[in-house]
């Protein structure tokens, strides 16, 4: 009678895949459906008017972003457990880089409260500022948030590069997905570098640079959810570790 292997890597993989899909959906909601519809590029007054008209949507966007980052911590844990048999040291590096990325992005979310607070009335400590100045401050906070997001994605780009390498080496996850994740990591790093050094060029290339990232991460999430890992190969790697 053949020896059966414990099911835990499959359970972890499917949990990670499900939460990864939640992260992707939450990220699209926050960036496209909330900030994408409410932030008028270069127009502080229009942006302030949109936030003042629908503050609940703006708050929902922030809350969904925070849910995304909570899910991200669980996905980090799952990926660490799944990749540790391939290389414990590199899996730990992925975990640490991912934690830094999430810490940066969570702290960065506080900036999105600034335009919300400024749109909800003028307390006494803001009495010296007129409406255009308040609108400009709110828009400035949104712009800084965009750059903070780019800084966080530098670390996530490094995560994808190392993670993709481990996936390719693992023998229990598809090499093609590992290659796609490494391409995504390169795109994240290039996008953030251009944002800091050549923002006009980054604005032109942004949709194209993010497409490989979406394809790679969505493919990885779906593979984990539907197929999981090759359990026998996983346990062979675990025995060698």
Foldseek 3Di string as FASTA:
>chain_A
DDDDDDCVLLVLLQLLLVLLVLLVVLVCCLVCVQCVVQPDPPDLVSNLVSCLVCVVSLVVNLVSNVVSLVSLLSNLVSLLVQLVLLPNVLSVVLSVLSVQLSVLLNVLSVLSVQSNVLSPDADPVNVVDDDVVSSVSNVVSVVVSVLSNLVSLLSVLVSLLSSLVSQLRQVWHDNVLSVLSNLLSVLSNVLSVCCVVPVVVSVVCVVVSCVSVVVSSNVSSVCSNPPRTPRVSSVVSNVVD
